[in-house]
Amino acid sequence: MIDVDIAVIGSGSGNSLLTDDLADRTFAMIEGGAVFGGTCLNVGCIPTKMFVHVAEIATAVREGGRLGVDATLQGVRYEDVRDRVFGRIDPIAAAGEAYRRDGDNVHLLRGRARFTGPLELAVEMRDGTTEHVRAGQVVIASGSHATWPDDLGAAAHREGITIHTSDTVMRLPERPRRMLVVGGGYIAMEMAHVFSAFGTEVVVSSRSGLLRHQDTDIAEAFTTAAREQWDVRTGTVVTDLHRSDEGISVTLSDGSVVVTDVVLAATGRRPSTQDMGLEVAGVEVHDDDRIVVDEHGRTTAAGVWSLGDASSPFQLKHVANHEARVVAHNLAHPQDLRSFTHSAVPAAVFTHPQIASVGLTEQQARAQGIDVTVKVQQYGDTAYGWAMEDTTSLCKVIADRRTGHLVGGHLIGPEASTLVQPLIQMMAFDQPVAEMVRGQYWIHPALTEVVENALLGLDLNPSEDLSESPPLA
């Protein structure tokens, strides 16, 4: 039996719980995955964005002609890109694991944890042995995993066909000539962009629309752009697949057949909380397998905490990191508990065009009865937008006309994930639109004028009228 003060299940954001404030505590760090460091480092945010950066360069070369730059893309060396990405990431993961293995006051256990009692765990180690852990407190930070429809999995198993996910698709031995992307969410659209930019023929099959959780104006603009880049089949699901002389033949619900080399399932992620014996510990879960936590990260079981994708309504690394900071503080200072802050949570989709959002969509704001005022600002109506000859990108801001405060912001176009930051700041610090937009300079002719002009275009109550003071030029 290993006795520790704190047992942490999961080495993603859970790894950051070992803070200076807790340096006098003993830890068990338990990781059951193939690699150490969690989803973001190994198969999520970081490698995907390294691929996306290359895809953006390739796309810029192809599109240069419309600006007078005659350039030809000779090709993307997929194997070199892949090896550069994982040649950096894999050593980081290995070094992180070695650091914990050799660290003071830390027991690194590479295996899958299961509760055998309120604060007791059995860890089935990768070498086939079992270690037993007794802890003063347990933090469940086990993350999430990719899922796909049961029918798709059954058909693939019958035919001996590999269904790839974001866990595996970036490590393919060679770039496929053809790829079917099943799904219409963030991961599906990012991978469609990456492989299409690299030269792969991409077909997208989505049960509903693309990026349907986005504001309607953004989703519609993106769908138009997506159809210009890929073969998009919305309103379809895979009904069958089998091997053929030409490759993998996939039948869709509209009766069409797609012949492909790789099937990528990007249909969602599920909290990795199954088969952990949570009921033995008294830890309750939601219907979607998320662990129930209060605003401080405490579960329904005394001494058991959770954070990140295992319990959070947001499957986002920046949210998991925030929650880890809160839980780390609460473990060290139980008499001074801090709370999670889940207001003004932003997200970005690193597809083409890029998308970023924070707060409510227009549809959500109206459904809540807010006195809504909306402004849609085209990139192309600002000086830098002219420079880019942009005709499709936009910034949409949504405010409460009565209070003069922003309730949502959405962008689609170049640098969207950066341009959204002033809107996040405004909402996070509850700044009135008038104060934010007129209380500072906006560099002319920087692309941030898209955000400035969108805010200036809001029809607010008379005390917040911005029209009397024109923007600096």
Protein backbone atom coordinates (compact mmCIF):
# COMPACT_ATOMS: atom_id res chain seq x y z
CA MET A 1 0.00 0.00 0.00
CA ILE A 2 1.30 3.45 -0.99
CA ASP A 3 0.18 6.15 1.43
CA VAL A 4 0.16 9.73 0.10
CA ASP A 5 -1.43 13.04 0.93
CA ILE A 6 -2.81 13.62 -2.57
CA ALA A 7 -3.44 11.23 -5.45
CA VAL A 8 -3.86 12.81 -8.89
CA ILE A 9 -5.47 10.78 -11.67
CA GLY A 10 -4.32 12.24 -14.98
CA SER A 11 -1.11 13.97 -16.06
CA GLY A 12 -2.55 16.74 -18.24
CA SER A 13 -3.66 19.80 -16.31
CA GLY A 14 -3.58 17.58 -13.23
CA ASN A 15 0.20 17.59 -13.50
CA SER A 16 0.23 21.30 -12.61
CA LEU A 17 -1.31 20.62 -9.19
CA LEU A 18 2.13 19.95 -7.75
CA THR A 19 2.74 23.57 -6.80
CA ASP A 20 5.15 25.24 -4.38
CA ASP A 21 2.25 25.68 -1.94
CA LEU A 22 1.97 21.90 -1.81
CA ALA A 23 5.68 21.12 -1.77
CA ASP A 24 5.42 19.55 1.69
CA ARG A 25 2.79 17.03 0.56
CA THR A 26 3.34 13.57 -0.86
CA PHE A 27 1.73 12.75 -4.19
CA ALA A 28 0.78 9.81 -6.34
CA MET A 29 0.69 10.82 -10.00
CA ILE A 30 -1.33 8.22 -11.92
CA GLU A 31 -1.41 8.13 -15.71
CA GLY A 32 -3.01 5.31 -17.67
CA GLY A 33 -2.49 6.66 -21.17
CA ALA A 34 0.16 5.62 -23.63
CA VAL A 35 2.07 8.87 -23.16
CA PHE A 36 2.55 11.29 -20.29
CA GLY A 37 1.25 14.85 -20.34
CA GLY A 38 -2.37 14.62 -21.40
CA THR A 39 -4.36 15.34 -24.52
CA CYS A 40 -3.28 18.92 -25.24
CA LEU A 41 0.43 18.18 -25.37
CA ASN A 42 0.33 14.86 -27.16
CA VAL A 43 -2.70 14.65 -29.46
CA GLY A 44 -4.58 17.92 -29.08
CA CYS A 45 -3.92 21.66 -29.01
CA ILE A 46 -0.18 21.73 -29.54
CA PRO A 47 0.44 19.22 -32.35
CA THR A 48 -2.71 20.24 -34.21
CA LYS A 49 -1.69 23.90 -34.21
CA MET A 50 1.80 23.00 -35.38
CA PHE A 51 0.14 21.22 -38.31
CA VAL A 52 -2.28 24.13 -38.82
CA HIS A 53 0.56 26.65 -39.07
CA VAL A 54 2.05 24.70 -41.96
CA ALA A 55 -1.40 24.40 -43.55
CA GLU A 56 -1.82 28.17 -43.36
CA ILE A 57 1.52 28.72 -45.13
CA ALA A 58 0.55 26.27 -47.88
CA THR A 59 -2.84 27.97 -48.26
CA ALA A 60 -1.25 31.42 -48.45
CA VAL A 61 0.99 30.26 -51.30
CA ARG A 62 -1.99 28.87 -53.22
CA GLU A 63 -4.01 32.06 -52.72
CA GLY A 64 -1.23 34.53 -53.44
CA GLY A 65 -2.24 35.01 -57.05
CA ARG A 66 -5.25 37.15 -56.22
CA LEU A 67 -2.88 39.71 -54.65
CA GLY A 68 -0.41 39.66 -57.52
CA VAL A 69 1.99 37.09 -56.07
CA ASP A 70 2.51 34.31 -58.60
CA ALA A 71 3.76 31.39 -56.58
CA THR A 72 3.45 27.65 -57.01
CA LEU A 73 3.26 25.17 -54.18
CA GLN A 74 5.44 22.26 -55.15
CA GLY A 75 4.16 20.19 -52.28
CA VAL A 76 4.07 19.70 -48.53
CA ARG A 77 6.55 17.17 -47.18
CA TYR A 78 4.09 15.51 -44.82
CA GLU A 79 6.61 13.13 -43.29
CA ASP A 80 8.99 15.99 -42.52
CA VAL A 81 6.19 18.05 -40.99
CA ARG A 82 5.04 15.11 -38.88
CA ASP A 83 8.53 14.31 -37.69
CA ARG A 84 9.24 17.95 -36.83
CA VAL A 85 6.05 18.12 -34.76
CA PHE A 86 6.52 14.95 -32.81
CA GLY A 87 10.28 15.29 -32.75
CA ARG A 88 9.63 18.21 -30.41
CA ILE A 89 6.57 16.95 -28.55
CA ASP A 90 7.64 13.39 -27.75
CA PRO A 91 10.83 14.45 -25.91
CA ILE A 92 8.81 16.96 -23.88
CA ALA A 93 6.37 14.24 -22.83
CA ALA A 94 9.23 11.87 -22.00
CA ALA A 95 11.07 14.54 -20.01
CA GLY A 96 7.91 15.37 -18.06
CA GLU A 97 7.44 11.74 -17.16
CA ALA A 98 11.08 11.36 -16.12
CA TYR A 99 10.85 14.50 -13.99
CA ARG A 100 7.91 13.10 -12.05
CA ARG A 101 9.48 9.66 -11.78
CA ASP A 102 12.64 11.12 -10.27
CA GLY A 103 10.90 13.84 -8.24
CA ASP A 104 10.87 14.08 -4.48
CA ASN A 105 7.68 13.14 -2.67
CA VAL A 106 6.07 11.82 -5.87
CA HIS A 107 5.10 8.26 -6.73
CA LEU A 108 4.60 7.99 -10.50
CA LEU A 109 2.24 5.14 -11.36
CA ARG A 110 1.77 4.29 -15.03
CA GLY A 111 -1.53 2.50 -15.01
CA ARG A 112 -5.31 2.80 -14.80
CA ALA A 113 -6.82 3.80 -11.47
CA ARG A 114 -10.03 2.45 -9.96
CA PHE A 115 -11.58 3.33 -6.60
CA THR A 116 -11.78 0.44 -4.17
CA GLY A 117 -12.94 2.60 -1.27
CA PRO A 118 -13.73 6.23 -0.45
CA LEU A 119 -10.08 7.36 -0.72
CA GLU A 120 -8.43 4.16 -1.86
CA LEU A 121 -7.35 3.20 -5.36
CA ALA A 122 -6.15 0.12 -7.16
CA VAL A 123 -3.87 0.96 -10.08
CA GLU A 124 -3.56 -1.69 -12.77
CA MET A 125 -0.02 -1.07 -13.94
CA ARG A 126 1.14 -1.41 -17.52
CA ASP A 127 3.42 -4.27 -16.53
CA GLY A 128 0.44 -6.32 -15.32
CA THR A 129 0.92 -5.75 -11.60
CA THR A 130 -1.43 -3.85 -9.30
CA GLU A 131 -0.48 -1.07 -6.90
CA HIS A 132 -2.77 0.05 -4.08
CA VAL A 133 -2.90 3.69 -3.07
CA ARG A 134 -4.43 5.30 0.01
CA ALA A 135 -4.69 9.10 -0.11
CA GLY A 136 -5.83 11.92 2.09
CA GLN A 137 -7.38 13.54 -0.97
CA VAL A 138 -7.91 12.48 -4.60
CA VAL A 139 -8.11 14.71 -7.68
CA ILE A 140 -9.72 13.24 -10.78
CA ALA A 141 -8.22 14.93 -13.84
CA SER A 142 -8.59 12.02 -16.24
CA GLY A 143 -9.59 14.13 -19.24
CA SER A 144 -11.65 12.88 -22.16
CA HIS A 145 -11.30 10.57 -25.14
CA ALA A 146 -12.48 10.48 -28.74
CA THR A 147 -15.69 8.61 -29.57
CA TRP A 148 -17.51 7.55 -32.70
CA PRO A 149 -20.97 6.09 -33.48
CA ASP A 150 -21.42 2.45 -32.55
CA ASP A 151 -22.60 1.53 -36.05
CA LEU A 152 -19.46 2.98 -37.57
CA GLY A 153 -17.28 1.09 -35.14
CA ALA A 154 -19.11 -2.19 -35.73
CA ALA A 155 -18.82 -1.92 -39.50
CA ALA A 156 -15.14 -1.06 -39.30
CA HIS A 157 -14.47 -3.98 -36.94
CA ARG A 158 -16.28 -6.39 -39.28
CA GLU A 159 -14.15 -5.28 -42.22
CA GLY A 160 -10.89 -4.92 -40.31
CA ILE A 161 -10.74 -1.21 -41.13
CA THR A 162 -8.98 1.23 -38.82
CA ILE A 163 -11.04 4.21 -37.75
CA HIS A 164 -8.65 7.05 -37.03
CA THR A 165 -9.20 9.79 -34.49
CA SER A 166 -7.21 12.89 -33.59
CA ASP A 167 -5.13 10.53 -31.42
CA THR A 168 -3.74 8.71 -34.46
CA VAL A 169 -4.36 10.67 -37.66
CA MET A 170 -1.41 13.03 -37.21
CA ARG A 171 0.99 10.08 -37.05
CA LEU A 172 -0.03 8.42 -40.31
CA PRO A 173 3.01 6.90 -42.07
CA GLU A 174 2.26 8.94 -45.20
CA ARG A 175 -0.15 11.58 -46.35
CA PRO A 176 -3.28 9.92 -47.68
CA ARG A 177 -4.48 10.78 -51.15
CA ARG A 178 -8.10 10.73 -49.96
CA MET A 179 -9.71 11.19 -46.55
CA LEU A 180 -13.28 11.00 -45.26
CA VAL A 181 -13.83 13.21 -42.21
CA VAL A 182 -16.87 12.14 -40.21
CA GLY A 183 -18.13 15.03 -38.09
CA GLY A 184 -18.78 18.73 -38.28
CA GLY A 185 -17.23 20.08 -35.09
CA TYR A 186 -13.97 21.77 -34.11
CA ILE A 187 -11.65 18.81 -34.58
CA ALA A 188 -13.25 17.71 -37.84
CA MET A 189 -12.92 21.16 -39.37
CA GLU A 190 -9.33 21.64 -38.23
CA MET A 191 -8.21 18.28 -39.61
CA ALA A 192 -10.12 18.83 -42.85
CA HIS A 193 -8.19 22.09 -43.27
CA VAL A 194 -4.83 20.54 -42.45
CA PHE A 195 -5.00 17.56 -44.78
CA SER A 196 -6.71 19.47 -47.58
CA ALA A 197 -3.98 22.13 -47.44
CA PHE A 198 -1.39 19.36 -47.55
CA GLY A 199 -2.92 18.03 -50.78
CA THR A 200 -5.38 15.37 -49.62
CA GLU A 201 -8.81 15.13 -51.26
CA VAL A 202 -11.20 15.66 -48.35
CA VAL A 203 -14.85 14.65 -48.09
CA VAL A 204 -16.78 15.73 -44.99
CA SER A 205 -19.84 13.84 -43.76
CA SER A 206 -21.75 15.58 -40.98
CA ARG A 207 -25.00 14.47 -39.36
CA SER A 208 -26.08 18.11 -39.01
CA GLY A 209 -24.55 21.40 -40.10
CA LEU A 210 -20.94 22.46 -39.70
CA LEU A 211 -19.92 24.09 -36.42
CA ARG A 212 -23.59 24.21 -35.43
CA HIS A 213 -22.84 25.55 -31.93
CA GLN A 214 -21.49 28.77 -33.42
CA ASP A 215 -23.57 31.88 -34.00
CA THR A 216 -25.76 31.31 -37.06
CA ASP A 217 -24.06 34.05 -39.12
CA ILE A 218 -20.65 32.54 -38.39
CA ALA A 219 -21.75 28.96 -39.09
CA GLU A 220 -23.35 29.96 -42.39
CA ALA A 221 -20.31 31.94 -43.50
CA PHE A 222 -18.02 29.06 -42.61
CA THR A 223 -20.17 26.47 -44.36
CA THR A 224 -19.99 28.52 -47.55
CA ALA A 225 -16.20 28.67 -47.26
CA ALA A 226 -15.96 24.96 -46.44
CA ARG A 227 -17.94 23.95 -49.51
CA GLU A 228 -15.46 25.87 -51.66
CA GLN A 229 -12.58 23.85 -50.23
CA TRP A 230 -13.92 20.36 -49.58
CA ASP A 231 -16.67 17.99 -50.70
CA VAL A 232 -19.15 18.63 -47.87
CA ARG A 233 -22.10 16.27 -47.33
CA THR A 234 -24.23 17.69 -44.50
CA GLY A 235 -27.25 15.78 -43.23
CA THR A 236 -25.50 12.44 -43.78
CA VAL A 237 -24.17 9.61 -41.65
CA VAL A 238 -22.12 6.55 -42.51
CA THR A 239 -24.38 3.52 -42.99
CA ASP A 240 -21.78 1.02 -44.16
CA LEU A 241 -18.18 0.61 -45.16
CA HIS A 242 -16.14 -2.16 -46.67
CA ARG A 243 -12.84 -2.78 -48.41
CA SER A 244 -12.71 -2.62 -52.17
CA ASP A 245 -10.05 -2.75 -54.85
CA GLU A 246 -10.07 1.07 -54.95
CA GLY A 247 -9.73 1.55 -51.18
CA ILE A 248 -12.34 1.89 -48.45
CA SER A 249 -15.86 2.23 -49.85
CA VAL A 250 -18.12 4.17 -47.50
CA THR A 251 -21.88 4.34 -48.01
CA LEU A 252 -23.61 7.45 -46.70
CA SER A 253 -27.25 7.82 -45.70
CA ASP A 254 -28.02 9.85 -48.84
CA GLY A 255 -27.13 6.78 -50.91
CA SER A 256 -23.82 8.14 -52.15
CA VAL A 257 -20.60 6.13 -51.92
CA VAL A 258 -17.26 7.71 -51.00
CA VAL A 259 -14.07 5.85 -51.83
CA THR A 260 -11.29 6.86 -49.50
CA ASP A 261 -7.95 5.80 -48.04
CA VAL A 262 -8.48 7.00 -44.46
CA VAL A 263 -11.59 7.42 -42.33
CA LEU A 264 -11.23 10.04 -39.60
CA ALA A 265 -13.93 10.02 -36.93
CA ALA A 266 -14.22 13.42 -35.22
CA THR A 267 -17.70 13.11 -33.78
CA GLY A 268 -17.04 14.19 -30.21
CA ARG A 269 -15.21 13.46 -27.00
CA ARG A 270 -16.45 11.77 -23.84
CA PRO A 271 -15.18 12.30 -20.29
CA SER A 272 -12.82 9.47 -19.33
CA THR A 273 -14.66 8.55 -16.16
CA GLN A 274 -15.93 5.06 -17.00
CA ASP A 275 -14.83 1.98 -15.07
CA MET A 276 -13.21 4.03 -12.31
CA GLY A 277 -15.37 2.69 -9.50
CA LEU A 278 -16.76 6.15 -8.86
CA GLU A 279 -19.86 4.69 -7.23
CA VAL A 280 -17.65 3.00 -4.64
CA ALA A 281 -16.18 6.37 -3.73
CA GLY A 282 -19.57 8.11 -3.69
CA VAL A 283 -18.74 10.30 -6.70
CA GLU A 284 -21.82 11.22 -8.71
CA VAL A 285 -21.81 11.84 -12.46
CA HIS A 286 -24.03 13.68 -14.93
CA ASP A 287 -25.85 11.84 -17.73
CA ASP A 288 -22.99 12.69 -20.10
CA ASP A 289 -20.42 11.05 -17.74
CA ARG A 290 -19.07 14.35 -16.42
CA ILE A 291 -18.31 14.22 -12.71
CA VAL A 292 -20.54 16.43 -10.59
CA VAL A 293 -18.53 19.18 -8.89
CA ASP A 294 -19.37 22.34 -6.98
CA GLU A 295 -17.93 25.78 -7.74
CA HIS A 296 -14.73 24.90 -5.85
CA GLY A 297 -14.07 21.63 -7.68
CA ARG A 298 -15.32 19.33 -4.91
CA THR A 299 -17.20 16.20 -5.93
CA THR A 300 -20.04 14.62 -3.96
CA ALA A 301 -17.48 12.49 -2.09
CA ALA A 302 -15.53 13.96 0.82
CA GLY A 303 -11.88 14.52 -0.10
CA VAL A 304 -12.38 13.91 -3.83
CA TRP A 305 -11.97 16.74 -6.34
CA SER A 306 -12.19 16.95 -10.12
CA LEU A 307 -11.20 19.33 -12.90
CA GLY A 308 -10.84 19.62 -16.65
CA ASP A 309 -12.65 17.48 -19.20
CA ALA A 310 -13.56 14.89 -16.56
CA SER A 311 -16.02 17.31 -14.99
CA SER A 312 -16.04 20.69 -16.75
CA PRO A 313 -18.77 21.80 -19.16
CA PHE A 314 -15.96 23.20 -21.32
CA GLN A 315 -13.57 20.81 -23.08
CA LEU A 316 -10.90 23.48 -23.39
CA LYS A 317 -7.31 23.44 -22.17
CA HIS A 318 -7.39 27.02 -20.92
CA VAL A 319 -10.42 26.16 -18.79
CA ALA A 320 -8.73 23.02 -17.43
CA ASN A 321 -5.65 25.07 -16.52
CA HIS A 322 -7.81 27.63 -14.72
CA GLU A 323 -9.60 24.91 -12.80
CA ALA A 324 -6.27 23.30 -11.88
CA ARG A 325 -5.06 26.60 -10.40
CA VAL A 326 -8.25 26.87 -8.35
CA VAL A 327 -8.09 23.29 -7.08
CA ALA A 328 -4.37 23.60 -6.26
CA HIS A 329 -5.10 26.68 -4.16
CA ASN A 330 -8.02 24.96 -2.44
CA LEU A 331 -5.93 21.92 -1.59
CA ALA A 332 -3.31 24.16 0.00
CA HIS A 333 -5.76 26.59 1.64
CA PRO A 334 -8.92 24.71 2.65
CA GLN A 335 -10.09 27.64 4.80
CA ASP A 336 -9.89 30.08 1.87
CA LEU A 337 -11.62 28.33 -1.00
CA ARG A 338 -11.59 29.88 -4.45
CA SER A 339 -14.24 29.28 -7.09
CA PHE A 340 -14.16 28.40 -10.77
CA THR A 341 -14.88 31.30 -13.09
CA HIS A 342 -16.77 30.12 -16.14
CA SER A 343 -17.94 33.47 -17.46
CA ALA A 344 -16.53 34.89 -20.70
CA VAL A 345 -14.99 31.55 -21.73
CA PRO A 346 -13.57 31.94 -25.25
CA ALA A 347 -12.89 29.31 -27.88
CA ALA A 348 -11.27 29.22 -31.29
CA VAL A 349 -11.39 26.89 -34.26
CA PHE A 350 -8.11 26.84 -36.16
CA THR A 351 -9.61 25.91 -39.49
CA HIS A 352 -9.78 27.98 -42.70
CA PRO A 353 -11.10 30.56 -42.21
CA GLN A 354 -10.22 30.80 -38.53
CA ILE A 355 -13.06 31.29 -36.04
CA ALA A 356 -13.18 32.67 -32.49
CA SER A 357 -16.02 33.34 -30.10
CA VAL A 358 -16.85 34.42 -26.57
CA GLY A 359 -20.17 34.72 -24.77
CA LEU A 360 -23.65 34.29 -26.19
CA THR A 361 -24.70 33.85 -29.77
CA GLU A 362 -27.38 36.22 -31.05
CA GLN A 363 -29.87 33.39 -30.87
CA GLN A 364 -29.01 32.62 -27.24
CA ALA A 365 -29.15 36.29 -26.25
CA ARG A 366 -32.61 36.75 -27.76
CA ALA A 367 -33.83 33.54 -26.14
CA GLN A 368 -32.78 34.95 -22.77
CA GLY A 369 -34.89 38.05 -23.32
CA ILE A 370 -31.97 40.46 -23.62
CA ASP A 371 -32.66 43.76 -25.38
CA VAL A 372 -30.22 42.87 -28.13
CA THR A 373 -28.28 45.20 -30.38
CA VAL A 374 -26.01 43.64 -33.01
CA LYS A 375 -23.32 44.91 -35.37
CA VAL A 376 -21.68 42.88 -38.11
CA GLN A 377 -18.44 44.47 -39.30
CA GLN A 378 -16.79 43.23 -42.47
CA TYR A 379 -12.99 42.98 -42.46
CA GLY A 380 -13.04 44.45 -45.95
CA ASP A 381 -14.54 47.72 -44.68
CA THR A 382 -11.35 48.56 -42.75
CA ALA A 383 -8.01 49.66 -44.09
CA TYR A 384 -6.15 46.43 -43.38
CA GLY A 385 -9.06 44.45 -44.76
CA TRP A 386 -8.63 46.42 -47.99
CA ALA A 387 -4.95 45.48 -48.00
CA MET A 388 -5.92 41.80 -47.81
CA GLU A 389 -8.64 42.22 -50.45
CA ASP A 390 -10.88 40.43 -47.95
CA THR A 391 -14.50 39.98 -49.01
CA THR A 392 -15.78 37.29 -46.64
CA SER A 393 -14.43 37.80 -43.10
CA LEU A 394 -16.46 39.45 -40.38
CA CYS A 395 -16.69 40.44 -36.73
CA LYS A 396 -20.08 40.21 -35.02
CA VAL A 397 -20.70 41.80 -31.62
CA ILE A 398 -23.83 41.45 -29.52
CA ALA A 399 -24.66 43.81 -26.67
CA ASP A 400 -27.42 44.52 -24.18
CA ARG A 401 -28.88 47.81 -25.43
CA ARG A 402 -30.16 48.69 -21.96
CA THR A 403 -26.96 48.18 -19.97
CA GLY A 404 -24.40 49.02 -22.67
CA HIS A 405 -22.46 45.83 -21.96
CA LEU A 406 -21.23 43.22 -24.43
CA VAL A 407 -22.81 39.77 -24.16
CA GLY A 408 -21.14 38.04 -27.11
CA GLY A 409 -18.47 38.41 -29.76
CA HIS A 410 -17.75 36.24 -32.81
CA LEU A 411 -15.18 36.47 -35.60
CA ILE A 412 -14.46 34.51 -38.74
CA GLY A 413 -11.35 35.38 -40.70
CA PRO A 414 -7.59 35.87 -40.39
CA GLU A 415 -6.24 36.16 -36.83
CA ALA A 416 -9.71 35.67 -35.33
CA SER A 417 -8.26 33.93 -32.26
CA THR A 418 -6.15 37.02 -31.53
CA LEU A 419 -8.67 39.69 -32.46
CA VAL A 420 -11.24 38.27 -30.05
CA GLN A 421 -9.07 39.08 -27.01
CA PRO A 422 -10.33 42.67 -26.47
CA LEU A 423 -13.87 41.31 -26.42
CA ILE A 424 -12.89 38.68 -23.86
CA GLN A 425 -11.29 41.36 -21.70
CA MET A 426 -14.35 43.58 -21.91
CA MET A 427 -16.65 40.79 -20.78
CA ALA A 428 -14.31 39.36 -18.14
CA PHE A 429 -13.90 42.75 -16.44
CA ASP A 430 -17.49 43.84 -17.09
CA GLN A 431 -16.40 46.95 -18.95
CA PRO A 432 -19.09 49.01 -20.70
CA VAL A 433 -18.69 49.12 -24.46
CA ALA A 434 -18.34 52.92 -24.43
CA GLU A 435 -15.51 52.80 -21.90
CA MET A 436 -13.66 50.08 -23.77
CA VAL A 437 -13.96 51.46 -27.27
CA ARG A 438 -13.34 55.14 -26.47
CA GLY A 439 -11.05 54.77 -23.49
CA GLN A 440 -8.01 53.71 -25.51
CA TYR A 441 -6.29 54.19 -28.85
CA TRP A 442 -6.75 51.59 -31.57
CA ILE A 443 -3.78 51.43 -33.93
CA HIS A 444 -4.56 52.59 -37.44
CA PRO A 445 -4.52 50.80 -39.81
CA ALA A 446 -4.18 47.60 -37.79
CA LEU A 447 -6.64 44.75 -38.21
CA THR A 448 -7.96 45.45 -34.70
CA GLU A 449 -9.97 48.27 -36.27
CA VAL A 450 -12.39 45.52 -37.28
CA VAL A 451 -13.22 45.08 -33.59
CA GLU A 452 -13.22 48.81 -32.90
CA ASN A 453 -15.62 49.60 -35.72
CA ALA A 454 -17.90 46.74 -34.79
CA LEU A 455 -18.21 48.09 -31.26
CA LEU A 456 -18.77 51.63 -32.54
CA GLY A 457 -21.61 50.35 -34.68
CA LEU A 458 -23.70 49.09 -31.76
CA ASP A 459 -26.98 50.90 -31.19
CA LEU A 460 -26.83 51.45 -27.44
CA ASN A 461 -29.00 53.51 -25.11
CA PRO A 462 -28.55 57.30 -25.31
CA SER A 463 -26.12 57.49 -22.38
CA GLU A 464 -23.84 55.05 -24.19
CA ASP A 465 -24.18 56.54 -27.69
CA LEU A 466 -20.86 56.18 -29.50
CA SER A 467 -21.82 57.77 -32.81
CA GLU A 468 -21.05 61.37 -31.77
CA SER A 469 -17.32 60.67 -31.54
CA PRO A 470 -15.94 59.23 -34.79
CA PRO A 471 -13.05 56.75 -34.63
CA LEU A 472 -9.50 58.08 -34.93
CA ALA A 473 -8.15 57.94 -38.44
